[in-house]
Amino acid sequence: MTRQNYILHNPASELELPRLGRALPKNIFSAAEVERIMQLCDLGDTIGLRDRAILEVLYSTGIRRLEVIRLKLYDLSLDRGLILIRQGKGDKGPLCPHRRAGHRMA
């Protein structure tokens, strides 16, 4: 009604609407499917090795793709088995456990 100039002020403009939740993904890969995807990476090539490392981090930690993009070498603590997850503009976030290279989840 305000758009059509029937009233001067929208009485609902000050209302705060509840946030709608986002649905979780319905299609989740099985462990066998993830293993097949990882096998597609050519470990003899630097790009393939990089891709495999990214896939391993995503799968073993559950962190988001943007969190992987923001990872720096000094965010890894291999001796403690932790990855520092950065949030926002350089803020330090939680530590995420990761599994050691070569250790397969059952």
C-alpha atoms as a PDB file:
ATOM      1  CA  MET A   1       0.000   0.000   0.000  1.00  0.00           C
ATOM      2  CA  THR A   2       2.938   2.341   0.622  1.00  0.00           C
ATOM      3  CA  ARG A   3       4.238   1.643  -2.890  1.00  0.00           C
ATOM      4  CA  GLN A   4       0.925   2.678  -4.351  1.00  0.00           C
ATOM      5  CA  ASN A   5       0.713   5.711  -2.001  1.00  0.00           C
ATOM      6  CA  TYR A   6      -2.375   4.554  -0.100  1.00  0.00           C
ATOM      7  CA  ILE A   7      -0.498   5.004   3.185  1.00  0.00           C
ATOM      8  CA  LEU A   8       2.588   7.083   3.998  1.00  0.00           C
ATOM      9  CA  HIS A   9       4.449   4.620   6.219  1.00  0.00           C
ATOM     10  CA  ASN A  10       4.669   0.849   6.184  1.00  0.00           C
ATOM     11  CA  PRO A  11       3.727  -0.292   9.719  1.00  0.00           C
ATOM     12  CA  ALA A  12       5.514  -3.614   9.193  1.00  0.00           C
ATOM     13  CA  SER A  13       8.850  -2.033   8.213  1.00  0.00           C
ATOM     14  CA  GLU A  14      10.147  -2.171  11.798  1.00  0.00           C
ATOM     15  CA  LEU A  15       9.289  -5.850  12.299  1.00  0.00           C
ATOM     16  CA  GLU A  16      12.160  -8.302  12.490  1.00  0.00           C
ATOM     17  CA  LEU A  17      11.353 -11.462  10.598  1.00  0.00           C
ATOM     18  CA  PRO A  18      12.622 -14.826  11.830  1.00  0.00           C
ATOM     19  CA  ARG A  19      15.508 -16.297   9.867  1.00  0.00           C
ATOM     20  CA  LEU A  20      14.658 -19.377   7.902  1.00  0.00           C
ATOM     21  CA  GLY A  21      16.928 -22.366   8.413  1.00  0.00           C
ATOM     22  CA  ARG A  22      18.814 -23.824   5.510  1.00  0.00           C
ATOM     23  CA  ALA A  23      18.242 -27.443   4.591  1.00  0.00           C
ATOM     24  CA  LEU A  24      21.152 -29.846   4.825  1.00  0.00           C
ATOM     25  CA  PRO A  25      22.363 -31.441   1.591  1.00  0.00           C
ATOM     26  CA  LYS A  26      20.323 -34.478   0.615  1.00  0.00           C
ATOM     27  CA  ASN A  27      22.956 -36.171  -1.525  1.00  0.00           C
ATOM     28  CA  ILE A  28      25.963 -37.156   0.545  1.00  0.00           C
ATOM     29  CA  PHE A  29      28.770 -39.270  -0.888  1.00  0.00           C
ATOM     30  CA  SER A  30      29.472 -42.666   0.636  1.00  0.00           C
ATOM     31  CA  ALA A  31      33.015 -43.469   1.795  1.00  0.00           C
ATOM     32  CA  ALA A  32      33.491 -45.637  -1.318  1.00  0.00           C
ATOM     33  CA  GLU A  33      32.371 -42.795  -3.603  1.00  0.00           C
ATOM     34  CA  VAL A  34      34.756 -40.366  -1.898  1.00  0.00           C
ATOM     35  CA  GLU A  35      37.596 -42.860  -2.292  1.00  0.00           C
ATOM     36  CA  ARG A  36      36.822 -43.203  -6.012  1.00  0.00           C
ATOM     37  CA  ILE A  37      36.863 -39.414  -6.421  1.00  0.00           C
ATOM     38  CA  MET A  38      40.207 -39.184  -4.624  1.00  0.00           C
ATOM     39  CA  GLN A  39      41.667 -41.896  -6.852  1.00  0.00           C
ATOM     40  CA  LEU A  40      41.023 -39.636  -9.861  1.00  0.00           C
ATOM     41  CA  CYS A  41      43.793 -37.272  -8.726  1.00  0.00           C
ATOM     42  CA  ASP A  42      47.104 -37.887 -10.498  1.00  0.00           C
ATOM     43  CA  LEU A  43      49.601 -38.041  -7.613  1.00  0.00           C
ATOM     44  CA  GLY A  44      52.499 -37.886 -10.075  1.00  0.00           C
ATOM     45  CA  ASP A  45      51.480 -34.337 -11.011  1.00  0.00           C
ATOM     46  CA  THR A  46      51.756 -31.296  -8.713  1.00  0.00           C
ATOM     47  CA  ILE A  47      48.193 -30.184  -9.545  1.00  0.00           C
ATOM     48  CA  GLY A  48      46.854 -33.672  -8.862  1.00  0.00           C
ATOM     49  CA  LEU A  49      48.754 -33.809  -5.575  1.00  0.00           C
ATOM     50  CA  ARG A  50      47.336 -30.407  -4.586  1.00  0.00           C
ATOM     51  CA  ASP A  51      43.807 -31.499  -5.512  1.00  0.00           C
ATOM     52  CA  ARG A  52      44.160 -34.709  -3.500  1.00  0.00           C
ATOM     53  CA  ALA A  53      45.391 -32.763  -0.467  1.00  0.00           C
ATOM     54  CA  ILE A  54      42.408 -30.405  -0.697  1.00  0.00           C
ATOM     55  CA  LEU A  55      39.980 -33.310  -1.006  1.00  0.00           C
ATOM     56  CA  GLU A  56      41.596 -35.082   1.958  1.00  0.00           C
ATOM     57  CA  VAL A  57      41.306 -31.949   4.122  1.00  0.00           C
ATOM     58  CA  LEU A  58      37.675 -31.384   3.127  1.00  0.00           C
ATOM     59  CA  TYR A  59      36.715 -35.004   3.761  1.00  0.00           C
ATOM     60  CA  SER A  60      38.656 -35.596   6.966  1.00  0.00           C
ATOM     61  CA  THR A  61      37.767 -32.324   8.729  1.00  0.00           C
ATOM     62  CA  GLY A  62      34.396 -31.259   7.348  1.00  0.00           C
ATOM     63  CA  ILE A  63      35.521 -27.639   7.035  1.00  0.00           C
ATOM     64  CA  ARG A  64      33.980 -25.404   4.386  1.00  0.00           C
ATOM     65  CA  ARG A  65      35.569 -24.758   1.004  1.00  0.00           C
ATOM     66  CA  LEU A  66      36.170 -21.081   1.804  1.00  0.00           C
ATOM     67  CA  GLU A  67      37.934 -22.138   5.002  1.00  0.00           C
ATOM     68  CA  VAL A  68      40.217 -24.381   2.930  1.00  0.00           C
ATOM     69  CA  ILE A  69      40.931 -21.494   0.545  1.00  0.00           C
ATOM     70  CA  ARG A  70      41.988 -19.311   3.501  1.00  0.00           C
ATOM     71  CA  LEU A  71      44.339 -21.941   4.983  1.00  0.00           C
ATOM     72  CA  LYS A  72      47.985 -20.966   5.298  1.00  0.00           C
ATOM     73  CA  LEU A  73      50.878 -23.301   5.992  1.00  0.00           C
ATOM     74  CA  TYR A  74      51.316 -21.853   9.500  1.00  0.00           C
ATOM     75  CA  ASP A  75      47.648 -22.771  10.268  1.00  0.00           C
ATOM     76  CA  LEU A  76      48.682 -26.441  10.339  1.00  0.00           C
ATOM     77  CA  SER A  77      50.007 -28.058  13.483  1.00  0.00           C
ATOM     78  CA  LEU A  78      51.018 -31.503  12.248  1.00  0.00           C
ATOM     79  CA  ASP A  79      52.600 -32.552  15.552  1.00  0.00           C
ATOM     80  CA  ARG A  80      49.337 -31.812  17.419  1.00  0.00           C
ATOM     81  CA  GLY A  81      47.080 -32.928  14.561  1.00  0.00           C
ATOM     82  CA  LEU A  82      45.218 -29.599  14.392  1.00  0.00           C
ATOM     83  CA  ILE A  83      44.239 -27.047  11.761  1.00  0.00           C
ATOM     84  CA  LEU A  84      43.483 -23.448  12.741  1.00  0.00           C
ATOM     85  CA  ILE A  85      40.303 -22.342  10.977  1.00  0.00           C
ATOM     86  CA  ARG A  86      40.204 -18.635  10.147  1.00  0.00           C
ATOM     87  CA  GLN A  87      36.914 -16.779  10.058  1.00  0.00           C
ATOM     88  CA  GLY A  88      35.993 -13.466   8.507  1.00  0.00           C
ATOM     89  CA  LYS A  89      38.800 -10.990   7.894  1.00  0.00           C
ATOM     90  CA  GLY A  90      41.747 -12.647   9.576  1.00  0.00           C
ATOM     91  CA  ASP A  91      39.950 -13.546  12.803  1.00  0.00           C
ATOM     92  CA  LYS A  92      41.219 -16.677  14.474  1.00  0.00           C
ATOM     93  CA  GLY A  93      38.638 -19.401  14.734  1.00  0.00           C
ATOM     94  CA  PRO A  94      38.421 -22.862  16.233  1.00  0.00           C
ATOM     95  CA  LEU A  95      41.016 -25.588  15.958  1.00  0.00           C
ATOM     96  CA  CYS A  96      39.869 -28.544  13.897  1.00  0.00           C
ATOM     97  CA  PRO A  97      41.415 -32.002  14.364  1.00  0.00           C
ATOM     98  CA  HIS A  98      42.661 -33.694  11.238  1.00  0.00           C
ATOM     99  CA  ARG A  99      43.788 -37.226  10.595  1.00  0.00           C
ATOM    100  CA  ARG A 100      47.395 -37.904   9.741  1.00  0.00           C
ATOM    101  CA  ALA A 101      48.475 -38.483   6.141  1.00  0.00           C
ATOM    102  CA  GLY A 102      48.316 -42.119   5.168  1.00  0.00           C
ATOM    103  CA  HIS A 103      45.817 -42.980   7.917  1.00  0.00           C
ATOM    104  CA  ARG A 104      42.573 -44.204   6.393  1.00  0.00           C
ATOM    105  CA  MET A 105      39.204 -43.925   8.074  1.00  0.00           C
ATOM    106  CA  ALA A 106      37.239 -47.148   8.184  1.00  0.00           C
END
